PDB file of N, CA and C in Angstrom:
ATOM      1  N   MET A   1      13.299  -9.458   8.859  1.00  0.00           N
ATOM      2  CA  MET A   1      13.470  -8.561   8.507  1.00  0.00           C
ATOM      3  C   MET A   1      12.447  -7.502   9.060  1.00  0.00           C
ATOM      4  N   PRO A   2      12.636  -5.992   8.775  1.00  0.00           N
ATOM      5  CA  PRO A   2      11.815  -5.152   8.924  1.00  0.00           C
ATOM      6  C   PRO A   2      10.105  -5.043   8.334  1.00  0.00           C
ATOM      7  N   ILE A   3       9.442  -4.773   8.986  1.00  0.00           N
ATOM      8  CA  ILE A   3       7.979  -4.368   8.611  1.00  0.00           C
ATOM      9  C   ILE A   3       7.855  -2.945   8.225  1.00  0.00           C
ATOM     10  N   PHE A   4       7.288  -2.842   6.762  1.00  0.00           N
ATOM     11  CA  PHE A   4       6.854  -1.384   6.891  1.00  0.00           C
ATOM     12  C   PHE A   4       5.549  -0.792   6.926  1.00  0.00           C
ATOM     13  N   ILE A   5       4.746  -0.153   6.841  1.00  0.00           N
ATOM     14  CA  ILE A   5       3.074   0.449   6.754  1.00  0.00           C
ATOM     15  C   ILE A   5       3.442   1.761   5.697  1.00  0.00           C
ATOM     16  N   LYS A   6       2.334   0.879   4.579  1.00  0.00           N
ATOM     17  CA  LYS A   6       2.394   2.627   3.914  1.00  0.00           C
ATOM     18  C   LYS A   6       1.042   3.082   4.052  1.00  0.00           C
ATOM     19  N   THR A   7       0.514   4.098   4.348  1.00  0.00           N
ATOM     20  CA  THR A   7      -0.984   4.274   4.352  1.00  0.00           C
ATOM     21  C   THR A   7      -1.100   5.096   2.935  1.00  0.00           C
ATOM     22  N   GLU A   8      -2.431   5.715   2.934  1.00  0.00           N
ATOM     23  CA  GLU A   8      -2.693   6.406   1.155  1.00  0.00           C
ATOM     24  C   GLU A   8      -4.163   7.147   1.970  1.00  0.00           C
ATOM     25  N   LYS A   9      -4.340   7.864   1.004  1.00  0.00           N
ATOM     26  CA  LYS A   9      -5.832   8.456   0.774  1.00  0.00           C
ATOM     27  C   LYS A   9      -5.445   9.200  -0.668  1.00  0.00           C
ATOM     28  N   PHE A  10      -6.715   8.892  -0.886  1.00  0.00           N
ATOM     29  CA  PHE A  10      -7.020   9.686  -2.926  1.00  0.00           C
ATOM     30  C   PHE A  10      -6.871  10.929  -3.099  1.00  0.00           C
ATOM     31  N   LYS A  11      -5.678  11.818  -3.655  1.00  0.00           N
ATOM     32  CA  LYS A  11      -6.040  12.602  -3.925  1.00  0.00           C
ATOM     33  C   LYS A  11      -7.404  13.613  -4.374  1.00  0.00           C
ATOM     34  N   LYS A  12      -7.527  14.811  -4.341  1.00  0.00           N
ATOM     35  CA  LYS A  12      -8.939  15.261  -4.770  1.00  0.00           C
ATOM     36  C   LYS A  12      -9.014  14.748  -6.046  1.00  0.00           C
ATOM     37  N   GLU A  13      -8.093  14.781  -6.866  1.00  0.00           N
ATOM     38  CA  GLU A  13      -8.025  15.532  -8.426  1.00  0.00           C
ATOM     39  C   GLU A  13      -8.641  13.695  -8.580  1.00  0.00           C
ATOM     40  N   THR A  14      -7.913  12.583  -8.027  1.00  0.00           N
ATOM     41  CA  THR A  14      -8.331  10.767  -8.331  1.00  0.00           C
ATOM     42  C   THR A  14      -9.902  11.211  -7.966  1.00  0.00           C
ATOM     43  N   LEU A  15     -10.536  11.535  -7.024  1.00  0.00           N
ATOM     44  CA  LEU A  15     -11.591  11.107  -6.868  1.00  0.00           C
ATOM     45  C   LEU A  15     -12.346  11.906  -7.788  1.00  0.00           C
ATOM     46  N   LYS A  16     -12.274  12.598  -8.806  1.00  0.00           N
ATOM     47  CA  LYS A  16     -12.993  13.049  -9.784  1.00  0.00           C
ATOM     48  C   LYS A  16     -12.940  12.201 -10.731  1.00  0.00           C
ATOM     49  N   LEU A  17     -12.123  11.428 -10.720  1.00  0.00           N
ATOM     50  CA  LEU A  17     -11.901  10.107 -12.210  1.00  0.00           C
ATOM     51  C   LEU A  17     -13.214   9.466 -11.811  1.00  0.00           C
ATOM     52  N   SER A  18     -13.551   8.876 -12.833  1.00  0.00           N
ATOM     53  CA  SER A  18     -14.715   7.876 -13.510  1.00  0.00           C
ATOM     54  C   SER A  18     -14.512   6.393 -12.997  1.00  0.00           C
ATOM     55  N   ASN A  19     -15.270   5.755 -11.873  1.00  0.00           N
ATOM     56  CA  ASN A  19     -15.141   4.687 -11.566  1.00  0.00           C
ATOM     57  C   ASN A  19     -14.317   3.770 -11.981  1.00  0.00           C
ATOM     58  N   SER A  20     -14.877   3.841 -13.446  1.00  0.00           N
ATOM     59  CA  SER A  20     -13.794   2.314 -14.407  1.00  0.00           C
ATOM     60  C   SER A  20     -12.081   3.019 -14.277  1.00  0.00           C
ATOM     61  N   GLU A  21     -12.138   4.699 -14.513  1.00  0.00           N
ATOM     62  CA  GLU A  21     -10.429   4.650 -14.790  1.00  0.00           C
ATOM     63  C   GLU A  21     -10.069   4.788 -13.237  1.00  0.00           C
ATOM     64  N   ARG A  22     -10.720   5.139 -12.371  1.00  0.00           N
ATOM     65  CA  ARG A  22     -10.066   4.816 -10.697  1.00  0.00           C
ATOM     66  C   ARG A  22      -9.828   2.777 -10.749  1.00  0.00           C
ATOM     67  N   LYS A  23     -10.658   2.128 -11.115  1.00  0.00           N
ATOM     68  CA  LYS A  23     -10.522   0.981 -11.157  1.00  0.00           C
ATOM     69  C   LYS A  23      -9.295   0.324 -12.350  1.00  0.00           C
ATOM     70  N   LYS A  24      -9.096   0.962 -13.124  1.00  0.00           N
ATOM     71  CA  LYS A  24      -7.734   0.632 -13.902  1.00  0.00           C
ATOM     72  C   LYS A  24      -6.563   0.529 -12.989  1.00  0.00           C
ATOM     73  N   PHE A  25      -6.260   1.865 -12.194  1.00  0.00           N
ATOM     74  CA  PHE A  25      -5.224   1.931 -11.669  1.00  0.00           C
ATOM     75  C   PHE A  25      -5.046   0.812 -10.404  1.00  0.00           C
ATOM     76  N   LEU A  26      -6.716   0.719 -10.032  1.00  0.00           N
ATOM     77  CA  LEU A  26      -6.822  -0.154  -8.578  1.00  0.00           C
ATOM     78  C   LEU A  26      -6.482  -1.321  -9.298  1.00  0.00           C
ATOM     79  N   LEU A  27      -6.536  -2.069 -10.327  1.00  0.00           N
ATOM     80  CA  LEU A  27      -6.587  -3.462 -11.067  1.00  0.00           C
ATOM     81  C   LEU A  27      -4.692  -3.330 -11.160  1.00  0.00           C
ATOM     82  N   MET A  28      -3.890  -2.649 -11.724  1.00  0.00           N
ATOM     83  CA  MET A  28      -2.200  -2.310 -11.774  1.00  0.00           C
ATOM     84  C   MET A  28      -1.834  -2.143 -10.167  1.00  0.00           C
ATOM     85  N   HIS A  29      -2.123  -1.455  -9.310  1.00  0.00           N
ATOM     86  CA  HIS A  29      -2.170  -1.919  -8.113  1.00  0.00           C
ATOM     87  C   HIS A  29      -1.952  -3.157  -7.660  1.00  0.00           C
ATOM     88  N   LYS A  30      -3.307  -3.926  -7.786  1.00  0.00           N
ATOM     89  CA  LYS A  30      -3.024  -5.213  -7.226  1.00  0.00           C
ATOM     90  C   LYS A  30      -2.535  -5.638  -8.114  1.00  0.00           C
ATOM     91  N   GLN A  31      -2.015  -5.827  -9.537  1.00  0.00           N
ATOM     92  CA  GLN A  31      -1.065  -7.042 -10.266  1.00  0.00           C
ATOM     93  C   GLN A  31       0.296  -6.829  -9.494  1.00  0.00           C
ATOM     94  N   TRP A  32       0.781  -5.396  -9.143  1.00  0.00           N
ATOM     95  CA  TRP A  32       2.142  -5.372  -8.615  1.00  0.00           C
ATOM     96  C   TRP A  32       2.500  -5.791  -7.534  1.00  0.00           C
ATOM     97  N   VAL A  33       0.835  -5.738  -6.360  1.00  0.00           N
ATOM     98  CA  VAL A  33       1.280  -6.712  -5.266  1.00  0.00           C
ATOM     99  C   VAL A  33       1.408  -8.175  -5.586  1.00  0.00           C
ATOM    100  N   GLU A  34       0.791  -8.691  -6.079  1.00  0.00           N
ATOM    101  CA  GLU A  34       0.880  -9.880  -6.776  1.00  0.00           C
ATOM    102  C   GLU A  34       2.102 -10.412  -7.069  1.00  0.00           C
ATOM    103  N   ASP A  35       2.475  -9.469  -7.903  1.00  0.00           N
ATOM    104  CA  ASP A  35       4.014  -9.631  -8.351  1.00  0.00           C
ATOM    105  C   ASP A  35       5.039  -9.805  -7.255  1.00  0.00           C
ATOM    106  N   ILE A  36       5.286  -9.221  -6.624  1.00  0.00           N
ATOM    107  CA  ILE A  36       5.706  -8.903  -5.440  1.00  0.00           C
ATOM    108  C   ILE A  36       5.837 -10.036  -4.397  1.00  0.00           C
ATOM    109  N   SER A  37       4.487 -10.196  -4.168  1.00  0.00           N
ATOM    110  CA  SER A  37       3.738 -11.872  -3.446  1.00  0.00           C
ATOM    111  C   SER A  37       4.661 -12.825  -3.874  1.00  0.00           C
ATOM    112  N   LYS A  38       4.619 -12.904  -5.404  1.00  0.00           N
ATOM    113  CA  LYS A  38       5.120 -14.199  -6.404  1.00  0.00           C
ATOM    114  C   LYS A  38       6.246 -14.268  -5.972  1.00  0.00           C
ATOM    115  N   SER A  39       7.162 -13.549  -5.761  1.00  0.00           N
ATOM    116  CA  SER A  39       8.698 -13.398  -5.439  1.00  0.00           C
ATOM    117  C   SER A  39       9.461 -13.829  -4.108  1.00  0.00           C
ATOM    118  N   GLY A  40       8.491 -13.961  -3.641  1.00  0.00           N
ATOM    119  CA  GLY A  40       8.503 -14.077  -2.141  1.00  0.00           C
ATOM    120  C   GLY A  40       8.631 -13.341  -0.930  1.00  0.00           C
ATOM    121  N   HIS A  41       8.243 -12.432  -1.359  1.00  0.00           N
ATOM    122  CA  HIS A  41       8.279 -11.346  -0.224  1.00  0.00           C
ATOM    123  C   HIS A  41       6.876 -11.146   0.518  1.00  0.00           C
ATOM    124  N   TYR A  42       6.756 -10.981   1.671  1.00  0.00           N
ATOM    125  CA  TYR A  42       5.884 -10.723   2.712  1.00  0.00           C
ATOM    126  C   TYR A  42       4.747  -9.322   1.787  1.00  0.00           C
ATOM    127  N   ILE A  43       4.040  -9.339   1.661  1.00  0.00           N
ATOM    128  CA  ILE A  43       3.202  -8.074   1.212  1.00  0.00           C
ATOM    129  C   ILE A  43       1.523  -8.661   1.494  1.00  0.00           C
ATOM    130  N   HIS A  44       0.515  -7.152   1.326  1.00  0.00           N
ATOM    131  CA  HIS A  44      -0.359  -7.095   1.808  1.00  0.00           C
ATOM    132  C   HIS A  44      -0.748  -6.005   1.358  1.00  0.00           C
ATOM    133  N   SER A  45      -2.293  -5.543   1.137  1.00  0.00           N
ATOM    134  CA  SER A  45      -3.040  -4.817   0.655  1.00  0.00           C
ATOM    135  C   SER A  45      -3.990  -4.527   0.999  1.00  0.00           C
ATOM    136  N   GLY A  46      -4.723  -3.623   1.083  1.00  0.00           N
ATOM    137  CA  GLY A  46      -6.418  -3.422   1.540  1.00  0.00           C
ATOM    138  C   GLY A  46      -6.593  -2.365   1.316  1.00  0.00           C
ATOM    139  N   TYR A  47      -7.762  -1.850   1.802  1.00  0.00           N
ATOM    140  CA  TYR A  47      -8.310  -0.901   1.850  1.00  0.00           C
ATOM    141  C   TYR A  47      -9.295  -0.515   3.320  1.00  0.00           C
ATOM    142  N   LEU A  48      -9.452   0.762   4.185  1.00  0.00           N
ATOM    143  CA  LEU A  48     -10.185   0.418   4.990  1.00  0.00           C
ATOM    144  C   LEU A  48     -11.472   0.943   4.682  1.00  0.00           C
ATOM    145  N   ILE A  49     -12.299   0.810   5.786  1.00  0.00           N
ATOM    146  CA  ILE A  49     -13.830   0.753   5.413  1.00  0.00           C
ATOM    147  C   ILE A  49     -13.811   1.266   7.150  1.00  0.00           C
ATOM    148  N   ASN A  50     -15.526   2.130   6.832  1.00  0.00           N
ATOM    149  CA  ASN A  50     -15.958   2.757   8.044  1.00  0.00           C
ATOM    150  C   ASN A  50     -17.089   1.648   9.001  1.00  0.00           C
ATOM    151  N   GLU A  51     -17.205   2.095   9.916  1.00  0.00           N
ATOM    152  CA  GLU A  51     -18.602   0.755  10.538  1.00  0.00           C
ATOM    153  C   GLU A  51     -19.586   0.546   9.933  1.00  0.00           C
ATOM    154  N   GLU A  52     -20.277   1.361   8.872  1.00  0.00           N
ATOM    155  CA  GLU A  52     -21.058   1.083   7.930  1.00  0.00           C
ATOM    156  C   GLU A  52     -21.041   0.089   6.912  1.00  0.00           C
ATOM    157  N   LYS A  53     -19.379   0.016   6.879  1.00  0.00           N
ATOM    158  CA  LYS A  53     -18.526  -0.636   5.878  1.00  0.00           C
ATOM    159  C   LYS A  53     -18.878  -0.091   4.248  1.00  0.00           C
ATOM    160  N   ARG A  54     -18.716   1.133   4.748  1.00  0.00           N
ATOM    161  CA  ARG A  54     -18.383   1.768   3.444  1.00  0.00           C
ATOM    162  C   ARG A  54     -16.719   2.527   3.094  1.00  0.00           C
ATOM    163  N   PRO A  55     -16.243   2.044   1.917  1.00  0.00           N
ATOM    164  CA  PRO A  55     -15.194   2.317   1.946  1.00  0.00           C
ATOM    165  C   PRO A  55     -14.483   3.869   1.901  1.00  0.00           C
ATOM    166  N   GLY A  56     -13.445   4.812   2.193  1.00  0.00           N
ATOM    167  CA  GLY A  56     -13.497   5.959   2.022  1.00  0.00           C
ATOM    168  C   GLY A  56     -12.037   6.387   3.173  1.00  0.00           C
ATOM    169  N   GLY A  57     -11.543   5.167   3.790  1.00  0.00           N
ATOM    170  CA  GLY A  57     -10.609   5.669   5.027  1.00  0.00           C
ATOM    171  C   GLY A  57      -9.172   5.390   4.202  1.00  0.00           C
ATOM    172  N   GLY A  58      -8.959   5.380   3.279  1.00  0.00           N
ATOM    173  CA  GLY A  58      -7.954   5.219   2.450  1.00  0.00           C
ATOM    174  C   GLY A  58      -7.149   3.752   2.158  1.00  0.00           C
ATOM    175  N   GLY A  59      -5.861   3.535   2.101  1.00  0.00           N
ATOM    176  CA  GLY A  59      -5.602   2.117   1.876  1.00  0.00           C
ATOM    177  C   GLY A  59      -4.603   1.991   2.717  1.00  0.00           C
ATOM    178  N   LEU A  60      -4.072   0.687   2.950  1.00  0.00           N
ATOM    179  CA  LEU A  60      -3.139   0.357   3.578  1.00  0.00           C
ATOM    180  C   LEU A  60      -2.026  -1.120   3.214  1.00  0.00           C
ATOM    181  N   LEU A  61      -1.277  -0.766   3.695  1.00  0.00           N
ATOM    182  CA  LEU A  61       0.126  -1.901   2.635  1.00  0.00           C
ATOM    183  C   LEU A  61       0.752  -2.115   3.878  1.00  0.00           C
ATOM    184  N   ILE A  62       1.337  -3.679   3.638  1.00  0.00           N
ATOM    185  CA  ILE A  62       2.076  -4.027   4.551  1.00  0.00           C
ATOM    186  C   ILE A  62       2.644  -4.799   4.425  1.00  0.00           C
ATOM    187  N   PHE A  63       4.022  -4.371   4.929  1.00  0.00           N
ATOM    188  CA  PHE A  63       5.307  -5.277   3.678  1.00  0.00           C
ATOM    189  C   PHE A  63       6.101  -5.228   4.325  1.00  0.00           C
ATOM    190  N   GLU A  64       7.833  -6.205   3.931  1.00  0.00           N
ATOM    191  CA  GLU A  64       8.549  -6.204   4.437  1.00  0.00           C
ATOM    192  C   GLU A  64       9.470  -5.644   3.573  1.00  0.00           C
ATOM    193  N   ALA A  65      11.036  -5.565   3.840  1.00  0.00           N
ATOM    194  CA  ALA A  65      11.850  -5.011   3.273  1.00  0.00           C
ATOM    195  C   ALA A  65      13.378  -4.627   4.107  1.00  0.00           C
ATOM    196  N   ARG A  66      14.216  -4.899   3.518  1.00  0.00           N
ATOM    197  CA  ARG A  66      15.492  -4.863   4.079  1.00  0.00           C
ATOM    198  C   ARG A  66      16.112  -3.502   5.004  1.00  0.00           C
ATOM    199  N   ASP A  67      15.325  -2.110   4.436  1.00  0.00           N
ATOM    200  CA  ASP A  67      16.024  -0.986   5.439  1.00  0.00           C
ATOM    201  C   ASP A  67      14.744   0.283   4.033  1.00  0.00           C
ATOM    202  N   TYR A  68      14.437   1.352   5.677  1.00  0.00           N
ATOM    203  CA  TYR A  68      13.498   1.975   5.425  1.00  0.00           C
ATOM    204  C   TYR A  68      14.237   2.502   3.691  1.00  0.00           C
ATOM    205  N   LEU A  69      15.518   2.710   3.066  1.00  0.00           N
ATOM    206  CA  LEU A  69      15.358   3.297   1.535  1.00  0.00           C
ATOM    207  C   LEU A  69      15.145   1.944   0.459  1.00  0.00           C
ATOM    208  N   THR A  70      15.260   0.853   0.671  1.00  0.00           N
ATOM    209  CA  THR A  70      14.884  -0.132   0.080  1.00  0.00           C
ATOM    210  C   THR A  70      13.016  -0.101  -0.174  1.00  0.00           C
ATOM    211  N   ALA A  71      12.625   0.260   1.331  1.00  0.00           N
ATOM    212  CA  ALA A  71      11.433  -0.163   0.996  1.00  0.00           C
ATOM    213  C   ALA A  71      10.570   1.108   0.305  1.00  0.00           C
ATOM    214  N   LYS A  72      11.106   2.624   0.825  1.00  0.00           N
ATOM    215  CA  LYS A  72      10.345   3.408  -0.282  1.00  0.00           C
ATOM    216  C   LYS A  72      10.820   3.194  -1.894  1.00  0.00           C
ATOM    217  N   LYS A  73      12.058   2.776  -2.138  1.00  0.00           N
ATOM    218  CA  LYS A  73      11.928   2.301  -3.343  1.00  0.00           C
ATOM    219  C   LYS A  73      10.575   1.054  -3.964  1.00  0.00           C
ATOM    220  N   MET A  74      10.820   0.373  -2.901  1.00  0.00           N
ATOM    221  CA  MET A  74       9.761  -0.296  -3.332  1.00  0.00           C
ATOM    222  C   MET A  74       8.319   0.232  -3.735  1.00  0.00           C
ATOM    223  N   ILE A  75       8.169   0.855  -2.940  1.00  0.00           N
ATOM    224  CA  ILE A  75       6.576   1.796  -3.367  1.00  0.00           C
ATOM    225  C   ILE A  75       6.667   2.855  -4.121  1.00  0.00           C
ATOM    226  N   GLY A  76       7.687   3.169  -4.200  1.00  0.00           N
ATOM    227  CA  GLY A  76       8.049   3.921  -5.878  1.00  0.00           C
ATOM    228  C   GLY A  76       7.364   3.327  -7.415  1.00  0.00           C
ATOM    229  N   ASN A  77       7.344   1.907  -6.915  1.00  0.00           N
ATOM    230  CA  ASN A  77       6.931   1.492  -8.017  1.00  0.00           C
ATOM    231  C   ASN A  77       5.300   1.166  -7.912  1.00  0.00           C
ATOM    232  N   ASP A  78       4.151   1.781  -7.222  1.00  0.00           N
ATOM    233  CA  ASP A  78       3.182   1.289  -6.813  1.00  0.00           C
ATOM    234  C   ASP A  78       2.324   2.063  -7.559  1.00  0.00           C
ATOM    235  N   PRO A  79       1.801   1.862  -8.951  1.00  0.00           N
ATOM    236  CA  PRO A  79       1.212   2.509  -9.825  1.00  0.00           C
ATOM    237  C   PRO A  79       0.252   3.269  -8.523  1.00  0.00           C
ATOM    238  N   MET A  80      -0.435   2.935  -8.034  1.00  0.00           N
ATOM    239  CA  MET A  80      -0.586   4.099  -7.102  1.00  0.00           C
ATOM    240  C   MET A  80      -0.078   5.491  -6.950  1.00  0.00           C
ATOM    241  N   ILE A  81       1.285   5.529  -6.755  1.00  0.00           N
ATOM    242  CA  ILE A  81       2.084   6.576  -6.616  1.00  0.00           C
ATOM    243  C   ILE A  81       2.575   7.011  -7.470  1.00  0.00           C
ATOM    244  N   LYS A  82       3.182   5.870  -8.496  1.00  0.00           N
ATOM    245  CA  LYS A  82       3.605   6.658  -9.647  1.00  0.00           C
ATOM    246  C   LYS A  82       2.871   7.195 -10.785  1.00  0.00           C
ATOM    247  N   ASN A  83       1.568   7.286 -10.719  1.00  0.00           N
ATOM    248  CA  ASN A  83       0.788   7.850 -11.219  1.00  0.00           C
ATOM    249  C   ASN A  83       0.316   9.203 -10.283  1.00  0.00           C
ATOM    250  N   GLU A  84       1.045   9.402  -9.406  1.00  0.00           N
ATOM    251  CA  GLU A  84       0.265  10.516  -8.316  1.00  0.00           C
ATOM    252  C   GLU A  84      -1.237  10.804  -8.260  1.00  0.00           C
ATOM    253  N   LEU A  85      -1.528   9.256  -7.686  1.00  0.00           N
ATOM    254  CA  LEU A  85      -2.965   9.340  -7.671  1.00  0.00           C
ATOM    255  C   LEU A  85      -3.178   9.283  -5.985  1.00  0.00           C
ATOM    256  N   VAL A  86      -2.520   9.358  -4.788  1.00  0.00           N
ATOM    257  CA  VAL A  86      -2.354   9.251  -3.723  1.00  0.00           C
ATOM    258  C   VAL A  86      -1.776  10.323  -2.798  1.00  0.00           C
ATOM    259  N   ILE A  87      -2.288  10.622  -1.657  1.00  0.00           N
ATOM    260  CA  ILE A  87      -0.871  10.992  -0.587  1.00  0.00           C
ATOM    261  C   ILE A  87      -0.586   9.798   0.368  1.00  0.00           C
ATOM    262  N   TRP A  88       0.167   9.674   0.186  1.00  0.00           N
ATOM    263  CA  TRP A  88       0.842   8.716   0.944  1.00  0.00           C
ATOM    264  C   TRP A  88       1.978   8.632   2.203  1.00  0.00           C
ATOM    265  N   ASP A  89       2.057   7.908   3.156  1.00  0.00           N
ATOM    266  CA  ASP A  89       3.084   8.093   4.137  1.00  0.00           C
ATOM    267  C   ASP A  89       3.919   6.851   4.202  1.00  0.00           C
ATOM    268  N   LEU A  90       4.923   6.392   4.623  1.00  0.00           N
ATOM    269  CA  LEU A  90       5.879   5.579   5.003  1.00  0.00           C
ATOM    270  C   LEU A  90       5.834   5.267   6.436  1.00  0.00           C
ATOM    271  N   GLN A  91       6.404   4.594   7.108  1.00  0.00           N
ATOM    272  CA  GLN A  91       6.402   4.143   8.211  1.00  0.00           C
ATOM    273  C   GLN A  91       7.037   2.682   9.218  1.00  0.00           C
ATOM    274  N   GLU A  92       8.182   2.318   9.473  1.00  0.00           N
ATOM    275  CA  GLU A  92       8.962   0.953  10.353  1.00  0.00           C
ATOM    276  C   GLU A  92       7.921   0.725  11.041  1.00  0.00           C
ATOM    277  N   TRP A  93       6.828  -0.712  11.540  1.00  0.00           N
ATOM    278  CA  TRP A  93       6.082  -0.709  12.383  1.00  0.00           C
ATOM    279  C   TRP A  93       7.632  -1.520  13.201  1.00  0.00           C
ATOM    280  N   VAL A  94       7.926  -1.361  14.300  1.00  0.00           N
ATOM    281  CA  VAL A  94       8.542  -1.638  15.365  1.00  0.00           C
ATOM    282  C   VAL A  94       7.403  -2.511  16.648  1.00  0.00           C
ATOM    283  N   SER A  95       7.864  -3.292  17.025  1.00  0.00           N
ATOM    284  CA  SER A  95       6.807  -4.030  18.132  1.00  0.00           C
ATOM    285  C   SER A  95       7.281  -3.931  19.274  1.00  0.00           C
ATOM    286  N   ILE A  96       6.468  -3.743  20.281  1.00  0.00           N
ATOM    287  CA  ILE A  96       6.815  -3.589  21.570  1.00  0.00           C
ATOM    288  C   ILE A  96       7.624  -4.210  22.083  1.00  0.00           C
ATOM    289  N   ASP A  97       6.998  -5.687  22.138  1.00  0.00           N
ATOM    290  CA  ASP A  97       8.203  -6.734  23.038  1.00  0.00           C
ATOM    291  C   ASP A  97       9.554  -7.181  21.897  1.00  0.00           C
ATOM    292  N   GLY A  98       9.532  -6.049  20.819  1.00  0.00           N
ATOM    293  CA  GLY A  98      11.031  -6.436  20.228  1.00  0.00           C
ATOM    294  C   GLY A  98      10.731  -8.031  19.321  1.00  0.00           C
ATOM    295  N   SER A  99       9.651  -8.390  19.364  1.00  0.00           N
ATOM    296  CA  SER A  99       9.188  -9.585  17.990  1.00  0.00           C
ATOM    297  C   SER A  99       9.211  -9.417  16.949  1.00  0.00           C
ATOM    298  N   GLN A 100       8.999 -10.125  15.734  1.00  0.00           N
ATOM    299  CA  GLN A 100       8.762  -9.526  14.537  1.00  0.00           C
ATOM    300  C   GLN A 100       8.277 -10.887  14.311  1.00  0.00           C
ATOM    301  N   PRO A 101       6.779 -10.650  13.447  1.00  0.00           N
ATOM    302  CA  PRO A 101       5.925 -11.793  13.403  1.00  0.00           C
ATOM    303  C   PRO A 101       6.337 -12.819  12.525  1.00  0.00           C
ATOM    304  N   LYS A 102       5.643 -14.224  12.462  1.00  0.00           N
ATOM    305  CA  LYS A 102       6.185 -14.710  11.816  1.00  0.00           C
ATOM    306  C   LYS A 102       5.774 -15.100  10.511  1.00  0.00           C
ATOM    307  N   LEU A 103       6.602 -14.890   9.435  1.00  0.00           N
ATOM    308  CA  LEU A 103       6.216 -13.907   7.770  1.00  0.00           C
ATOM    309  C   LEU A 103       6.033 -15.598   7.309  1.00  0.00           C
TER     310      LEU A 103
END
């Protein structure tokens, strides 16, 4: 099954939210990922840090989906996207040797 990568960064308005407000949405996102994983789909989510281990580089979601349209529908349910907190991009990953990882 194809692998997709969603990258995201907080919108300026999201950065103005209090830490507790942002944390509420991040916990909702985490639960969304856990629910997908429990249903048997390959999905991993995390955030990017710099060389000083400080966050701020955005988020990264790696997951499998049947096709691009299905992947786009899946991430449309991500609380970070549903609540318009992030600027995001979705790409399909294609291995240069044609192989797929063993998931």
